[in-house]
Amino acid sequence: QVQLVESGGGLVQAGGSLRLSCAASGSIYGLWLPGWYRQAPGKQRELVANINRSGATNYADSVKGRFTISSVNAKRTVYLQMNSLKPEDTAVYYCNNANSWGQGTQVTVSS
């Protein structure tokens, strides 16, 4: 059973920055393809960014140039650096790896 634990959410003003962290515990059976998703009230959960073992990344168009995903494979930890935050980035952010999900961390951006 894989457990993913997120941290780093909070309240920030528009234009500010936050850094989310997610650490995995338990057996991942060599499958480490982490990603970040978010879900705003009344909206579907959407992919924000993901990264593979080689470091190749993929971003939603809405966050390109502002967010950066990174991973320390040996520590099974993934980060999401969020800069130039906008009110529309307000959501619960979830860490994901394969079929495992974290509990979510709230990010609120005030205008």
PDB file of N, CA and C in Angstrom:
ATOM      1  N   GLN A   1       0.848  -1.184   0.000  1.00  0.00           N
ATOM      2  CA  GLN A   1       0.000   0.000   0.000  1.00  0.00           C
ATOM      3  C   GLN A   1       0.890   1.243   0.000  1.00  0.00           C
ATOM      4  N   VAL A   2       0.692   2.089  -0.986  1.00  0.00           N
ATOM      5  CA  VAL A   2       1.475   3.314  -1.094  1.00  0.00           C
ATOM      6  C   VAL A   2       0.716   4.437  -0.418  1.00  0.00           C
ATOM      7  N   GLN A   3       1.428   5.214   0.373  1.00  0.00           N
ATOM      8  CA  GLN A   3       0.840   6.410   0.967  1.00  0.00           C
ATOM      9  C   GLN A   3       1.571   7.633   0.442  1.00  0.00           C
ATOM     10  N   LEU A   4       0.787   8.636   0.064  1.00  0.00           N
ATOM     11  CA  LEU A   4       1.339   9.902  -0.403  1.00  0.00           C
ATOM     12  C   LEU A   4       0.896  10.993   0.554  1.00  0.00           C
ATOM     13  N   VAL A   5       1.850  11.757   1.056  1.00  0.00           N
ATOM     14  CA  VAL A   5       1.541  12.802   2.026  1.00  0.00           C
ATOM     15  C   VAL A   5       2.023  14.135   1.491  1.00  0.00           C
ATOM     16  N   GLU A   6       1.067  15.054   1.298  1.00  0.00           N
ATOM     17  CA  GLU A   6       1.388  16.379   0.775  1.00  0.00           C
ATOM     18  C   GLU A   6       1.582  17.365   1.911  1.00  0.00           C
ATOM     19  N   SER A   7       2.302  18.423   1.612  1.00  0.00           N
ATOM     20  CA  SER A   7       2.455  19.537   2.539  1.00  0.00           C
ATOM     21  C   SER A   7       2.785  20.778   1.729  1.00  0.00           C
ATOM     22  N   GLY A   8       2.603  21.945   2.354  1.00  0.00           N
ATOM     23  CA  GLY A   8       3.027  23.183   1.737  1.00  0.00           C
ATOM     24  C   GLY A   8       1.924  24.088   1.235  1.00  0.00           C
ATOM     25  N   GLY A   9       0.678  23.675   1.344  1.00  0.00           N
ATOM     26  CA  GLY A   9      -0.401  24.554   0.901  1.00  0.00           C
ATOM     27  C   GLY A   9      -0.587  25.717   1.847  1.00  0.00           C
ATOM     28  N   GLY A  10      -1.506  26.622   1.480  1.00  0.00           N
ATOM     29  CA  GLY A  10      -1.766  27.753   2.344  1.00  0.00           C
ATOM     30  C   GLY A  10      -2.440  28.882   1.604  1.00  0.00           C
ATOM     31  N   LEU A  11      -2.450  30.048   2.241  1.00  0.00           N
ATOM     32  CA  LEU A  11      -3.064  31.250   1.693  1.00  0.00           C
ATOM     33  C   LEU A  11      -1.967  32.204   1.244  1.00  0.00           C
ATOM     34  N   VAL A  12      -2.100  32.718   0.035  1.00  0.00           N
ATOM     35  CA  VAL A  12      -1.100  33.630  -0.501  1.00  0.00           C
ATOM     36  C   VAL A  12      -1.802  34.669  -1.356  1.00  0.00           C
ATOM     37  N   GLN A  13      -1.203  35.848  -1.462  1.00  0.00           N
ATOM     38  CA  GLN A  13      -1.758  36.877  -2.311  1.00  0.00           C
ATOM     39  C   GLN A  13      -1.403  36.619  -3.765  1.00  0.00           C
ATOM     40  N   ALA A  14      -2.199  37.146  -4.657  1.00  0.00           N
ATOM     41  CA  ALA A  14      -1.919  37.022  -6.084  1.00  0.00           C
ATOM     42  C   ALA A  14      -0.517  37.550  -6.371  1.00  0.00           C
ATOM     43  N   GLY A  15       0.200  36.803  -7.207  1.00  0.00           N
ATOM     44  CA  GLY A  15       1.571  37.147  -7.528  1.00  0.00           C
ATOM     45  C   GLY A  15       2.590  36.472  -6.634  1.00  0.00           C
ATOM     46  N   GLY A  16       2.128  35.866  -5.561  1.00  0.00           N
ATOM     47  CA  GLY A  16       3.023  35.197  -4.625  1.00  0.00           C
ATOM     48  C   GLY A  16       3.404  33.802  -5.072  1.00  0.00           C
ATOM     49  N   SER A  17       4.120  33.116  -4.185  1.00  0.00           N
ATOM     50  CA  SER A  17       4.639  31.780  -4.488  1.00  0.00           C
ATOM     51  C   SER A  17       4.358  30.816  -3.343  1.00  0.00           C
ATOM     52  N   LEU A  18       4.235  29.563  -3.706  1.00  0.00           N
ATOM     53  CA  LEU A  18       4.134  28.465  -2.738  1.00  0.00           C
ATOM     54  C   LEU A  18       4.879  27.266  -3.297  1.00  0.00           C
ATOM     55  N   ARG A  19       5.343  26.419  -2.403  1.00  0.00           N
ATOM     56  CA  ARG A  19       5.999  25.183  -2.820  1.00  0.00           C
ATOM     57  C   ARG A  19       5.311  24.007  -2.131  1.00  0.00           C
ATOM     58  N   LEU A  20       4.789  23.099  -2.940  1.00  0.00           N
ATOM     59  CA  LEU A  20       4.155  21.889  -2.420  1.00  0.00           C
ATOM     60  C   LEU A  20       5.154  20.742  -2.441  1.00  0.00           C
ATOM     61  N   SER A  21       5.040  19.890  -1.443  1.00  0.00           N
ATOM     62  CA  SER A  21       5.887  18.694  -1.373  1.00  0.00           C
ATOM     63  C   SER A  21       5.004  17.473  -1.199  1.00  0.00           C
ATOM     64  N   CYS A  22       5.474  16.350  -1.702  1.00  0.00           N
ATOM     65  CA  CYS A  22       4.746  15.089  -1.554  1.00  0.00           C
ATOM     66  C   CYS A  22       5.762  13.978  -1.375  1.00  0.00           C
ATOM     67  N   ALA A  23       5.611  13.222  -0.304  1.00  0.00           N
ATOM     68  CA  ALA A  23       6.517  12.114  -0.028  1.00  0.00           C
ATOM     69  C   ALA A  23       5.745  10.804  -0.050  1.00  0.00           C
ATOM     70  N   ALA A  24       6.327   9.808  -0.707  1.00  0.00           N
ATOM     71  CA  ALA A  24       5.695   8.494  -0.814  1.00  0.00           C
ATOM     72  C   ALA A  24       6.319   7.520   0.169  1.00  0.00           C
ATOM     73  N   SER A  25       5.465   6.711   0.770  1.00  0.00           N
ATOM     74  CA  SER A  25       5.952   5.627   1.623  1.00  0.00           C
ATOM     75  C   SER A  25       5.251   4.340   1.217  1.00  0.00           C
ATOM     76  N   GLY A  26       5.845   3.209   1.587  1.00  0.00           N
ATOM     77  CA  GLY A  26       5.298   1.934   1.163  1.00  0.00           C
ATOM     78  C   GLY A  26       5.944   1.491  -0.140  1.00  0.00           C
ATOM     79  N   SER A  27       5.519   0.368  -0.642  1.00  0.00           N
ATOM     80  CA  SER A  27       6.142  -0.191  -1.832  1.00  0.00           C
ATOM     81  C   SER A  27       5.482   0.346  -3.097  1.00  0.00           C
ATOM     82  N   ILE A  28       6.279   0.933  -3.979  1.00  0.00           N
ATOM     83  CA  ILE A  28       5.749   1.437  -5.246  1.00  0.00           C
ATOM     84  C   ILE A  28       6.088   0.493  -6.384  1.00  0.00           C
ATOM     85  N   TYR A  29       6.781  -0.624  -6.063  1.00  0.00           N
ATOM     86  CA  TYR A  29       7.121  -1.627  -7.054  1.00  0.00           C
ATOM     87  C   TYR A  29       7.806  -1.014  -8.273  1.00  0.00           C
ATOM     88  N   GLY A  30       8.645  -0.044  -8.032  1.00  0.00           N
ATOM     89  CA  GLY A  30       9.422   0.553  -9.111  1.00  0.00           C
ATOM     90  C   GLY A  30       8.647   1.503  -9.995  1.00  0.00           C
ATOM     91  N   LEU A  31       7.368   1.709  -9.705  1.00  0.00           N
ATOM     92  CA  LEU A  31       6.555   2.600 -10.534  1.00  0.00           C
ATOM     93  C   LEU A  31       6.505   3.961  -9.866  1.00  0.00           C
ATOM     94  N   TRP A  32       7.350   4.865 -10.320  1.00  0.00           N
ATOM     95  CA  TRP A  32       7.396   6.222  -9.764  1.00  0.00           C
ATOM     96  C   TRP A  32       7.230   7.188 -10.927  1.00  0.00           C
ATOM     97  N   LEU A  33       5.993   7.582 -11.142  1.00  0.00           N
ATOM     98  CA  LEU A  33       5.622   8.527 -12.194  1.00  0.00           C
ATOM     99  C   LEU A  33       4.691   9.555 -11.568  1.00  0.00           C
ATOM    100  N   PRO A  34       5.235  10.395 -10.696  1.00  0.00           N
ATOM    101  CA  PRO A  34       4.376  11.265  -9.901  1.00  0.00           C
ATOM    102  C   PRO A  34       3.818  12.450 -10.677  1.00  0.00           C
ATOM    103  N   GLY A  35       2.719  12.948 -10.147  1.00  0.00           N
ATOM    104  CA  GLY A  35       2.106  14.116 -10.739  1.00  0.00           C
ATOM    105  C   GLY A  35       1.303  14.884  -9.713  1.00  0.00           C
ATOM    106  N   TRP A  36       0.927  16.082 -10.086  1.00  0.00           N
ATOM    107  CA  TRP A  36       0.062  16.931  -9.270  1.00  0.00           C
ATOM    108  C   TRP A  36      -1.223  17.207 -10.043  1.00  0.00           C
ATOM    109  N   TYR A  37      -2.326  17.097  -9.323  1.00  0.00           N
ATOM    110  CA  TYR A  37      -3.640  17.431  -9.857  1.00  0.00           C
ATOM    111  C   TYR A  37      -4.261  18.470  -8.942  1.00  0.00           C
ATOM    112  N   ARG A  38      -5.314  19.129  -9.421  1.00  0.00           N
ATOM    113  CA  ARG A  38      -6.028  20.064  -8.567  1.00  0.00           C
ATOM    114  C   ARG A  38      -7.524  20.011  -8.881  1.00  0.00           C
ATOM    115  N   GLN A  39      -8.289  20.366  -7.869  1.00  0.00           N
ATOM    116  CA  GLN A  39      -9.737  20.399  -8.028  1.00  0.00           C
ATOM    117  C   GLN A  39     -10.281  21.626  -7.326  1.00  0.00           C
ATOM    118  N   ALA A  40     -10.868  22.502  -8.127  1.00  0.00           N
ATOM    119  CA  ALA A  40     -11.507  23.704  -7.602  1.00  0.00           C
ATOM    120  C   ALA A  40     -12.970  23.397  -7.321  1.00  0.00           C
ATOM    121  N   PRO A  41     -13.612  24.170  -6.455  1.00  0.00           N
ATOM    122  CA  PRO A  41     -15.027  23.922  -6.132  1.00  0.00           C
ATOM    123  C   PRO A  41     -15.892  23.918  -7.379  1.00  0.00           C
ATOM    124  N   GLY A  42     -16.707  22.885  -7.520  1.00  0.00           N
ATOM    125  CA  GLY A  42     -17.609  22.792  -8.642  1.00  0.00           C
ATOM    126  C   GLY A  42     -16.973  22.382  -9.955  1.00  0.00           C
ATOM    127  N   LYS A  43     -15.695  22.046  -9.920  1.00  0.00           N
ATOM    128  CA  LYS A  43     -14.990  21.669 -11.154  1.00  0.00           C
ATOM    129  C   LYS A  43     -14.408  20.271 -11.020  1.00  0.00           C
ATOM    130  N   GLN A  44     -14.085  19.694 -12.168  1.00  0.00           N
ATOM    131  CA  GLN A  44     -13.471  18.374 -12.177  1.00  0.00           C
ATOM    132  C   GLN A  44     -11.995  18.465 -11.808  1.00  0.00           C
ATOM    133  N   ARG A  45     -11.486  17.372 -11.290  1.00  0.00           N
ATOM    134  CA  ARG A  45     -10.058  17.309 -10.998  1.00  0.00           C
ATOM    135  C   ARG A  45      -9.284  17.346 -12.317  1.00  0.00           C
ATOM    136  N   GLU A  46      -8.218  18.131 -12.346  1.00  0.00           N
ATOM    137  CA  GLU A  46      -7.443  18.280 -13.576  1.00  0.00           C
ATOM    138  C   GLU A  46      -5.960  18.108 -13.305  1.00  0.00           C
ATOM    139  N   LEU A  47      -5.260  17.636 -14.331  1.00  0.00           N
ATOM    140  CA  LEU A  47      -3.813  17.486 -14.230  1.00  0.00           C
ATOM    141  C   LEU A  47      -3.152  18.862 -14.233  1.00  0.00           C
ATOM    142  N   VAL A  48      -2.223  19.054 -13.307  1.00  0.00           N
ATOM    143  CA  VAL A  48      -1.421  20.274 -13.275  1.00  0.00           C
ATOM    144  C   VAL A  48      -0.067  20.015 -13.935  1.00  0.00           C
ATOM    145  N   ALA A  49       0.602  18.950 -13.495  1.00  0.00           N
ATOM    146  CA  ALA A  49       1.921  18.623 -14.040  1.00  0.00           C
ATOM    147  C   ALA A  49       2.287  17.197 -13.642  1.00  0.00           C
ATOM    148  N   ASN A  50       3.111  16.553 -14.453  1.00  0.00           N
ATOM    149  CA  ASN A  50       3.686  15.276 -14.058  1.00  0.00           C
ATOM    150  C   ASN A  50       5.107  15.183 -14.567  1.00  0.00           C
ATOM    151  N   ILE A  51       5.800  14.174 -14.084  1.00  0.00           N
ATOM    152  CA  ILE A  51       7.223  14.026 -14.395  1.00  0.00           C
ATOM    153  C   ILE A  51       7.560  12.543 -14.416  1.00  0.00           C
ATOM    154  N   ASN A  52       8.435  12.129 -15.336  1.00  0.00           N
ATOM    155  CA  ASN A  52       8.825  10.727 -15.372  1.00  0.00           C
ATOM    156  C   ASN A  52      10.235  10.556 -14.809  1.00  0.00           C
ATOM    157  N   ARG A  53      10.699   9.310 -14.796  1.00  0.00           N
ATOM    158  CA  ARG A  53      11.990   9.012 -14.171  1.00  0.00           C
ATOM    159  C   ARG A  53      13.149   9.717 -14.852  1.00  0.00           C
ATOM    160  N   SER A  54      12.969  10.002 -16.123  1.00  0.00           N
ATOM    161  CA  SER A  54      14.038  10.674 -16.869  1.00  0.00           C
ATOM    162  C   SER A  54      14.023  12.179 -16.672  1.00  0.00           C
ATOM    163  N   GLY A  55      12.998  12.652 -15.970  1.00  0.00           N
ATOM    164  CA  GLY A  55      12.903  14.081 -15.731  1.00  0.00           C
ATOM    165  C   GLY A  55      12.069  14.828 -16.748  1.00  0.00           C
ATOM    166  N   ALA A  56      11.491  14.107 -17.696  1.00  0.00           N
ATOM    167  CA  ALA A  56      10.631  14.758 -18.682  1.00  0.00           C
ATOM    168  C   ALA A  56       9.346  15.204 -17.990  1.00  0.00           C
ATOM    169  N   THR A  57       8.936  16.417 -18.287  1.00  0.00           N
ATOM    170  CA  THR A  57       7.786  17.001 -17.608  1.00  0.00           C
ATOM    171  C   THR A  57       6.658  17.332 -18.573  1.00  0.00           C
ATOM    172  N   ASN A  58       5.484  17.460 -18.005  1.00  0.00           N
ATOM    173  CA  ASN A  58       4.286  17.798 -18.767  1.00  0.00           C
ATOM    174  C   ASN A  58       3.466  18.743 -17.900  1.00  0.00           C
ATOM    175  N   TYR A  59       2.987  19.851 -18.492  1.00  0.00           N
ATOM    176  CA  TYR A  59       2.244  20.851 -17.737  1.00  0.00           C
ATOM    177  C   TYR A  59       0.918  21.184 -18.407  1.00  0.00           C
ATOM    178  N   ALA A  60      -0.050  21.529 -17.594  1.00  0.00           N
ATOM    179  CA  ALA A  60      -1.278  22.095 -18.129  1.00  0.00           C
ATOM    180  C   ALA A  60      -0.943  23.462 -18.721  1.00  0.00           C
ATOM    181  N   ASP A  61      -1.631  23.824 -19.787  1.00  0.00           N
ATOM    182  CA  ASP A  61      -1.356  25.108 -20.442  1.00  0.00           C
ATOM    183  C   ASP A  61      -1.509  26.275 -19.474  1.00  0.00           C
ATOM    184  N   SER A  62      -2.434  26.160 -18.554  1.00  0.00           N
ATOM    185  CA  SER A  62      -2.739  27.268 -17.647  1.00  0.00           C
ATOM    186  C   SER A  62      -1.622  27.564 -16.650  1.00  0.00           C
ATOM    187  N   VAL A  63      -0.688  26.631 -16.481  1.00  0.00           N
ATOM    188  CA  VAL A  63       0.382  26.840 -15.492  1.00  0.00           C
ATOM    189  C   VAL A  63       1.772  26.904 -16.126  1.00  0.00           C
ATOM    190  N   LYS A  64       1.858  26.686 -17.414  1.00  0.00           N
ATOM    191  CA  LYS A  64       3.169  26.715 -18.074  1.00  0.00           C
ATOM    192  C   LYS A  64       3.862  28.051 -17.857  1.00  0.00           C
ATOM    193  N   GLY A  65       5.135  27.980 -17.517  1.00  0.00           N
ATOM    194  CA  GLY A  65       5.907  29.188 -17.291  1.00  0.00           C
ATOM    195  C   GLY A  65       5.802  29.728 -15.876  1.00  0.00           C
ATOM    196  N   ARG A  66       4.857  29.183 -15.092  1.00  0.00           N
ATOM    197  CA  ARG A  66       4.673  29.658 -13.716  1.00  0.00           C
ATOM    198  C   ARG A  66       4.964  28.563 -12.691  1.00  0.00           C
ATOM    199  N   PHE A  67       4.627  27.336 -13.021  1.00  0.00           N
ATOM    200  CA  PHE A  67       4.810  26.207 -12.101  1.00  0.00           C
ATOM    201  C   PHE A  67       5.964  25.333 -12.596  1.00  0.00           C
ATOM    202  N   THR A  68       6.660  24.728 -11.637  1.00  0.00           N
ATOM    203  CA  THR A  68       7.741  23.802 -11.964  1.00  0.00           C
ATOM    204  C   THR A  68       7.624  22.557 -11.099  1.00  0.00           C
ATOM    205  N   ILE A  69       7.566  21.406 -11.748  1.00  0.00           N
ATOM    206  CA  ILE A  69       7.537  20.143 -11.023  1.00  0.00           C
ATOM    207  C   ILE A  69       8.947  19.554 -11.011  1.00  0.00           C
ATOM    208  N   SER A  70       9.314  18.957  -9.893  1.00  0.00           N
ATOM    209  CA  SER A  70      10.617  18.301  -9.785  1.00  0.00           C
ATOM    210  C   SER A  70      10.470  17.093  -8.875  1.00  0.00           C
ATOM    211  N   SER A  71      11.409  16.177  -8.992  1.00  0.00           N
ATOM    212  CA  SER A  71      11.327  14.941  -8.216  1.00  0.00           C
ATOM    213  C   SER A  71      12.705  14.475  -7.809  1.00  0.00           C
ATOM    214  N   VAL A  72      12.807  13.976  -6.601  1.00  0.00           N
ATOM    215  CA  VAL A  72      14.017  13.310  -6.150  1.00  0.00           C
ATOM    216  C   VAL A  72      13.655  11.827  -6.079  1.00  0.00           C
ATOM    217  N   ASN A  73      13.996  11.102  -7.137  1.00  0.00           N
ATOM    218  CA  ASN A  73      13.548   9.719  -7.262  1.00  0.00           C
ATOM    219  C   ASN A  73      13.994   8.850  -6.096  1.00  0.00           C
ATOM    220  N   ALA A  74      15.242   9.041  -5.670  1.00  0.00           N
ATOM    221  CA  ALA A  74      15.780   8.207  -4.600  1.00  0.00           C
ATOM    222  C   ALA A  74      15.013   8.396  -3.297  1.00  0.00           C
ATOM    223  N   LYS A  75      14.446   9.579  -3.117  1.00  0.00           N
ATOM    224  CA  LYS A  75      13.682   9.863  -1.903  1.00  0.00           C
ATOM    225  C   LYS A  75      12.183   9.718  -2.122  1.00  0.00           C
ATOM    226  N   ARG A  76      11.794   9.398  -3.373  1.00  0.00           N
ATOM    227  CA  ARG A  76      10.378   9.270  -3.720  1.00  0.00           C
ATOM    228  C   ARG A  76       9.606  10.487  -3.232  1.00  0.00           C
ATOM    229  N   THR A  77      10.155  11.618  -3.590  1.00  0.00           N
ATOM    230  CA  THR A  77       9.545  12.893  -3.222  1.00  0.00           C
ATOM    231  C   THR A  77       9.367  13.725  -4.477  1.00  0.00           C
ATOM    232  N   VAL A  78       8.235  14.383  -4.570  1.00  0.00           N
ATOM    233  CA  VAL A  78       7.955  15.247  -5.712  1.00  0.00           C
ATOM    234  C   VAL A  78       7.531  16.611  -5.190  1.00  0.00           C
ATOM    235  N   TYR A  79       7.941  17.647  -5.908  1.00  0.00           N
ATOM    236  CA  TYR A  79       7.672  19.020  -5.506  1.00  0.00           C
ATOM    237  C   TYR A  79       6.925  19.752  -6.619  1.00  0.00           C
ATOM    238  N   LEU A  80       6.206  20.793  -6.218  1.00  0.00           N
ATOM    239  CA  LEU A  80       5.580  21.684  -7.191  1.00  0.00           C
ATOM    240  C   LEU A  80       5.844  23.111  -6.727  1.00  0.00           C
ATOM    241  N   GLN A  81       6.732  23.795  -7.445  1.00  0.00           N
ATOM    242  CA  GLN A  81       7.003  25.200  -7.172  1.00  0.00           C
ATOM    243  C   GLN A  81       6.022  26.027  -7.967  1.00  0.00           C
ATOM    244  N   MET A  82       5.249  26.847  -7.272  1.00  0.00           N
ATOM    245  CA  MET A  82       4.202  27.631  -7.916  1.00  0.00           C
ATOM    246  C   MET A  82       4.534  29.112  -7.739  1.00  0.00           C
ATOM    247  N   ASN A  83       4.792  29.784  -8.849  1.00  0.00           N
ATOM    248  CA  ASN A  83       5.103  31.212  -8.832  1.00  0.00           C
ATOM    249  C   ASN A  83       4.016  31.985  -9.563  1.00  0.00           C
ATOM    250  N   SER A  84       4.008  33.286  -9.355  1.00  0.00           N
ATOM    251  CA  SER A  84       3.039  34.165 -10.021  1.00  0.00           C
ATOM    252  C   SER A  84       1.627  33.622  -9.885  1.00  0.00           C
ATOM    253  N   LEU A  85       1.272  33.260  -8.676  1.00  0.00           N
ATOM    254  CA  LEU A  85      -0.031  32.633  -8.442  1.00  0.00           C
ATOM    255  C   LEU A  85      -1.170  33.593  -8.733  1.00  0.00           C
ATOM    256  N   LYS A  86      -2.257  33.018  -9.248  1.00  0.00           N
ATOM    257  CA  LYS A  86      -3.452  33.772  -9.605  1.00  0.00           C
ATOM    258  C   LYS A  86      -4.639  33.261  -8.791  1.00  0.00           C
ATOM    259  N   PRO A  87      -5.659  34.065  -8.609  1.00  0.00           N
ATOM    260  CA  PRO A  87      -6.848  33.584  -7.883  1.00  0.00           C
ATOM    261  C   PRO A  87      -7.431  32.309  -8.493  1.00  0.00           C
ATOM    262  N   GLU A  88      -7.336  32.170  -9.802  1.00  0.00           N
ATOM    263  CA  GLU A  88      -7.876  30.976 -10.450  1.00  0.00           C
ATOM    264  C   GLU A  88      -7.055  29.726 -10.177  1.00  0.00           C
ATOM    265  N   ASP A  89      -5.925  29.860  -9.504  1.00  0.00           N
ATOM    266  CA  ASP A  89      -5.151  28.687  -9.083  1.00  0.00           C
ATOM    267  C   ASP A  89      -5.678  28.114  -7.764  1.00  0.00           C
ATOM    268  N   THR A  90      -6.638  28.788  -7.165  1.00  0.00           N
ATOM    269  CA  THR A  90      -7.216  28.311  -5.913  1.00  0.00           C
ATOM    270  C   THR A  90      -7.884  26.959  -6.109  1.00  0.00           C
ATOM    271  N   ALA A  91      -7.473  25.989  -5.316  1.00  0.00           N
ATOM    272  CA  ALA A  91      -7.984  24.621  -5.447  1.00  0.00           C
ATOM    273  C   ALA A  91      -7.365  23.746  -4.358  1.00  0.00           C
ATOM    274  N   VAL A  92      -7.877  22.541  -4.255  1.00  0.00           N
ATOM    275  CA  VAL A  92      -7.192  21.514  -3.466  1.00  0.00           C
ATOM    276  C   VAL A  92      -6.240  20.800  -4.412  1.00  0.00           C
ATOM    277  N   TYR A  93      -4.993  20.723  -4.030  1.00  0.00           N
ATOM    278  CA  TYR A  93      -3.964  20.099  -4.852  1.00  0.00           C
ATOM    279  C   TYR A  93      -3.662  18.706  -4.324  1.00  0.00           C
ATOM    280  N   TYR A  94      -3.646  17.747  -5.249  1.00  0.00           N
ATOM    281  CA  TYR A  94      -3.438  16.344  -4.895  1.00  0.00           C
ATOM    282  C   TYR A  94      -2.185  15.799  -5.560  1.00  0.00           C
ATOM    283  N   CYS A  95      -1.441  15.043  -4.800  1.00  0.00           N
ATOM    284  CA  CYS A  95      -0.304  14.311  -5.329  1.00  0.00           C
ATOM    285  C   CYS A  95      -0.798  12.947  -5.820  1.00  0.00           C
ATOM    286  N   ASN A  96      -0.236  12.487  -6.913  1.00  0.00           N
ATOM    287  CA  ASN A  96      -0.663  11.208  -7.493  1.00  0.00           C
ATOM    288  C   ASN A  96       0.533  10.400  -7.961  1.00  0.00           C
ATOM    289  N   ASN A  97       0.443   9.088  -7.788  1.00  0.00           N
ATOM    290  CA  ASN A  97       1.378   8.165  -8.410  1.00  0.00           C
ATOM    291  C   ASN A  97       0.612   6.890  -8.721  1.00  0.00           C
ATOM    292  N   ALA A  98       0.453   6.600  -9.991  1.00  0.00           N
ATOM    293  CA  ALA A  98      -0.313   5.431 -10.455  1.00  0.00           C
ATOM    294  C   ALA A  98      -1.721   5.521  -9.862  1.00  0.00           C
ATOM    295  N   ASN A  99      -2.129   4.532  -9.067  1.00  0.00           N
ATOM    296  CA  ASN A  99      -3.477   4.520  -8.499  1.00  0.00           C
ATOM    297  C   ASN A  99      -3.544   5.116  -7.102  1.00  0.00           C
ATOM    298  N   SER A 100      -2.469   5.709  -6.633  1.00  0.00           N
ATOM    299  CA  SER A 100      -2.432   6.248  -5.282  1.00  0.00           C
ATOM    300  C   SER A 100      -2.593   7.761  -5.300  1.00  0.00           C
ATOM    301  N   TRP A 101      -3.343   8.253  -4.308  1.00  0.00           N
ATOM    302  CA  TRP A 101      -3.592   9.691  -4.179  1.00  0.00           C
ATOM    303  C   TRP A 101      -3.286  10.135  -2.755  1.00  0.00           C
ATOM    304  N   GLY A 102      -2.777  11.369  -2.647  1.00  0.00           N
ATOM    305  CA  GLY A 102      -2.636  11.973  -1.344  1.00  0.00           C
ATOM    306  C   GLY A 102      -3.969  12.504  -0.852  1.00  0.00           C
ATOM    307  N   GLN A 103      -3.959  13.059   0.354  1.00  0.00           N
ATOM    308  CA  GLN A 103      -5.194  13.550   0.959  1.00  0.00           C
ATOM    309  C   GLN A 103      -5.572  14.929   0.456  1.00  0.00           C
ATOM    310  N   GLY A 104      -4.644  15.594  -0.197  1.00  0.00           N
ATOM    311  CA  GLY A 104      -4.907  16.919  -0.740  1.00  0.00           C
ATOM    312  C   GLY A 104      -4.451  18.020   0.195  1.00  0.00           C
ATOM    313  N   THR A 105      -4.044  19.124  -0.387  1.00  0.00           N
ATOM    314  CA  THR A 105      -3.652  20.298   0.392  1.00  0.00           C
ATOM    315  C   THR A 105      -4.268  21.535  -0.262  1.00  0.00           C
ATOM    316  N   GLN A 106      -4.851  22.383   0.561  1.00  0.00           N
ATOM    317  CA  GLN A 106      -5.583  23.545   0.051  1.00  0.00           C
ATOM    318  C   GLN A 106      -4.616  24.670  -0.310  1.00  0.00           C
ATOM    319  N   VAL A 107      -4.810  25.207  -1.499  1.00  0.00           N
ATOM    320  CA  VAL A 107      -4.097  26.412  -1.939  1.00  0.00           C
ATOM    321  C   VAL A 107      -5.142  27.476  -2.228  1.00  0.00           C
ATOM    322  N   THR A 108      -5.016  28.609  -1.556  1.00  0.00           N
ATOM    323  CA  THR A 108      -5.945  29.712  -1.745  1.00  0.00           C
ATOM    324  C   THR A 108      -5.157  30.957  -2.122  1.00  0.00           C
ATOM    325  N   VAL A 109      -5.531  31.549  -3.254  1.00  0.00           N
ATOM    326  CA  VAL A 109      -4.859  32.750  -3.743  1.00  0.00           C
ATOM    327  C   VAL A 109      -5.852  33.901  -3.697  1.00  0.00           C
ATOM    328  N   SER A 110      -5.541  34.905  -2.916  1.00  0.00           N
ATOM    329  CA  SER A 110      -6.430  36.055  -2.781  1.00  0.00           C
ATOM    330  C   SER A 110      -6.060  37.140  -3.779  1.00  0.00           C
ATOM    331  N   SER A 111      -7.070  37.871  -4.216  1.00  0.00           N
ATOM    332  CA  SER A 111      -6.824  38.926  -5.215  1.00  0.00           C
ATOM    333  C   SER A 111      -6.508  40.253  -4.541  1.00  0.00           C
TER     334      SER A 111
END
